[in-house]
């Protein structure tokens, strides 16, 4: 029987103390069960699960487009640091890829993971040792070499 994704996440989190960025990306396409697994991890660990799209949208509602781009890193940090626990789970991070916000999503997540363990769902794939988001022709396409963080795929 295959090991449940939540069990794999919890096991992998224990390895994060050994690397500089305590970041674990759960990489899979939409509908693969990432949210369900993160909910299970939340139930078992007590770590907060943040819907990044929802929380950031609420905080940026009254900001201009320029202010949104400038304030997003600070707002995201405040969301994650609101809970003083050792780990935060992030789901629905698609807003970080919005081209108009001019952000580097992986860099943002790595910055958050220096002081706290961060487990984030990532809609994408690992192809030839590179973490990808979106298709190459899509404006939000991103491609990163896999290093300085852990990845797991169901």
Protein backbone atom coordinates (compact mmCIF):
# COMPACT_ATOMS: atom_id res chain seq x y z
CA UNK A 1 0.00 0.00 0.00
CA UNK A 2 1.30 3.47 -0.91
CA UNK A 3 2.31 5.77 1.94
CA UNK A 4 -0.19 8.64 2.40
CA UNK A 5 1.08 12.04 1.22
CA UNK A 6 0.65 13.57 4.69
CA UNK A 7 2.96 10.90 6.16
CA UNK A 8 5.57 11.67 3.49
CA UNK A 9 5.34 15.40 4.26
CA UNK A 10 5.78 14.88 8.01
CA UNK A 11 8.74 12.56 7.42
CA UNK A 12 10.37 15.02 5.00
CA UNK A 13 9.86 18.00 7.38
CA UNK A 14 12.23 16.30 9.82
CA UNK A 15 15.03 16.64 7.23
CA UNK A 16 14.61 20.42 6.97
CA UNK A 17 16.76 21.16 10.03
CA UNK A 18 19.77 20.10 7.97
CA UNK A 19 19.47 22.80 5.28
CA UNK A 20 19.63 26.62 5.30
CA UNK A 21 16.16 27.25 3.87
CA UNK A 22 13.66 25.20 5.86
CA UNK A 23 11.37 25.04 2.85
CA UNK A 24 9.50 21.99 1.62
CA UNK A 25 7.58 22.30 -1.63
CA UNK A 26 4.85 19.75 -2.28
CA UNK A 27 4.94 19.70 -6.08
CA UNK A 28 2.07 18.29 -8.14
CA UNK A 29 -0.54 19.46 -10.64
CA UNK A 30 -3.92 20.78 -9.49
CA UNK A 31 -6.22 18.09 -8.16
CA UNK A 32 -3.44 15.76 -7.00
CA UNK A 33 -4.40 15.93 -3.31
CA UNK A 34 -1.96 18.56 -2.00
CA UNK A 35 -4.63 20.50 -0.06
CA UNK A 36 -6.09 17.34 1.49
CA UNK A 37 -2.61 16.26 2.59
CA UNK A 38 -1.86 19.70 4.07
CA UNK A 39 -5.17 19.60 5.99
CA UNK A 40 -4.14 16.21 7.39
CA UNK A 41 -0.71 17.58 8.36
CA UNK A 42 -2.44 20.53 10.04
CA UNK A 43 -4.68 18.18 12.05
CA UNK A 44 -1.71 16.09 13.16
CA UNK A 45 0.78 18.87 13.94
CA UNK A 46 -1.35 21.88 14.87
CA UNK A 47 0.54 24.02 12.34
CA UNK A 48 -1.57 26.77 10.76
CA UNK A 49 -2.68 26.28 7.16
CA UNK A 50 -2.81 29.58 5.25
CA UNK A 51 -4.74 30.12 2.02
CA UNK A 52 -2.23 32.62 0.59
CA UNK A 53 -4.49 33.84 -2.24
CA UNK A 54 -7.32 34.63 0.17
CA UNK A 55 -5.23 36.27 2.88
CA UNK A 56 -3.12 38.41 0.53
CA UNK A 57 -6.17 39.45 -1.50
CA UNK A 58 -7.88 40.71 1.66
CA UNK A 59 -4.84 42.71 2.71
CA UNK A 60 -4.18 44.20 -0.74
CA UNK A 61 -7.77 45.12 -1.57
CA UNK A 62 -7.37 48.86 -0.94
CA UNK A 63 -3.86 49.17 -2.40
CA UNK A 64 -2.93 50.46 -5.83
CA UNK A 65 -1.18 48.10 -8.25
CA UNK A 66 2.20 49.66 -7.45
CA UNK A 67 1.57 49.45 -3.70
CA UNK A 68 0.60 45.79 -4.06
CA UNK A 69 3.90 44.95 -5.73
CA UNK A 70 5.87 46.85 -3.09
CA UNK A 71 3.91 45.63 -0.05
CA UNK A 72 3.43 41.96 -0.97
CA UNK A 73 6.67 40.64 0.59
CA UNK A 74 5.98 42.42 3.89
CA UNK A 75 2.32 41.35 3.95
CA UNK A 76 3.23 37.72 3.25
CA UNK A 77 5.83 37.78 6.04
CA UNK A 78 3.24 39.20 8.47
CA UNK A 79 0.79 36.44 7.54
CA UNK A 80 3.37 33.73 8.19
CA UNK A 81 4.75 35.30 11.37
CA UNK A 82 1.26 35.84 12.86
CA UNK A 83 1.50 32.35 14.33
CA UNK A 84 4.55 31.89 16.54
CA UNK A 85 4.77 28.13 15.98
CA UNK A 86 7.74 26.43 14.35
CA UNK A 87 5.95 25.54 11.10
CA UNK A 88 3.46 27.12 8.69
CA UNK A 89 1.64 25.39 5.85
CA UNK A 90 0.91 27.47 2.73
CA UNK A 91 -1.69 26.54 0.14
CA UNK A 92 -3.08 28.31 -2.92
CA UNK A 93 0.02 30.38 -3.65
CA UNK A 94 -0.91 31.22 -7.26
CA UNK A 95 -1.19 34.97 -6.53
CA UNK A 96 2.57 35.08 -5.94
CA UNK A 97 3.03 34.27 -9.66
CA UNK A 98 0.86 37.16 -10.90
CA UNK A 99 3.03 38.93 -13.48
CA UNK A 100 1.73 42.37 -12.50
CA UNK A 101 3.07 41.93 -8.96
CA UNK A 102 6.65 41.45 -10.24
CA UNK A 103 7.67 38.92 -7.58
CA UNK A 104 9.96 35.91 -7.52
CA UNK A 105 7.74 33.34 -5.74
CA UNK A 106 10.52 30.91 -4.85
CA UNK A 107 12.69 33.68 -3.44
CA UNK A 108 9.76 34.91 -1.31
CA UNK A 109 9.18 31.43 0.09
CA UNK A 110 12.89 30.92 0.75
CA UNK A 111 13.02 34.22 2.63
CA UNK A 112 10.14 33.11 4.85
CA UNK A 113 11.81 29.79 5.55
CA UNK A 114 14.97 31.15 7.12
CA UNK A 115 13.32 31.64 10.51
CA UNK A 116 10.50 29.11 10.31
CA UNK A 117 9.71 25.82 8.62
CA UNK A 118 7.48 26.46 5.60
CA UNK A 119 5.63 23.73 3.72
CA UNK A 120 3.99 25.05 0.55
CA UNK A 121 1.90 23.46 -2.16
CA UNK A 122 3.25 24.18 -5.65
CA UNK A 123 1.14 23.57 -8.74
CA UNK A 124 3.73 22.34 -11.17
CA UNK A 125 6.22 19.59 -11.82
CA UNK A 126 9.85 18.62 -11.51
CA UNK A 127 11.30 18.12 -14.98
CA UNK A 128 14.95 17.16 -15.57
CA UNK A 129 15.99 18.46 -12.12
CA UNK A 130 14.11 21.75 -12.51
CA UNK A 131 11.07 22.92 -10.59
CA UNK A 132 8.51 24.37 -12.99
CA UNK A 133 5.31 26.37 -12.69
CA UNK A 134 2.95 26.76 -15.67
CA UNK A 135 3.69 25.89 -19.29
CA UNK A 136 6.68 27.52 -21.05
CA UNK A 137 4.47 29.75 -23.26
CA UNK A 138 2.41 30.99 -20.29
CA UNK A 139 3.28 34.49 -18.93
CA UNK A 140 3.57 33.11 -15.37
CA UNK A 141 6.00 30.34 -16.38
CA UNK A 142 8.84 29.81 -13.92
CA UNK A 143 11.73 27.33 -13.92
CA UNK A 144 14.16 26.89 -11.05
CA UNK A 145 17.02 24.47 -10.38
CA UNK A 146 16.20 22.28 -7.39
CA UNK A 147 18.66 23.22 -4.65
CA UNK A 148 18.62 24.92 -1.21
CA UNK A 149 15.15 23.53 -0.48
CA UNK A 150 13.41 20.17 -0.41
CA UNK A 151 10.77 19.02 -2.86
CA UNK A 152 8.43 16.11 -2.80
CA UNK A 153 5.94 14.91 -5.32
CA UNK A 154 3.12 12.43 -4.69
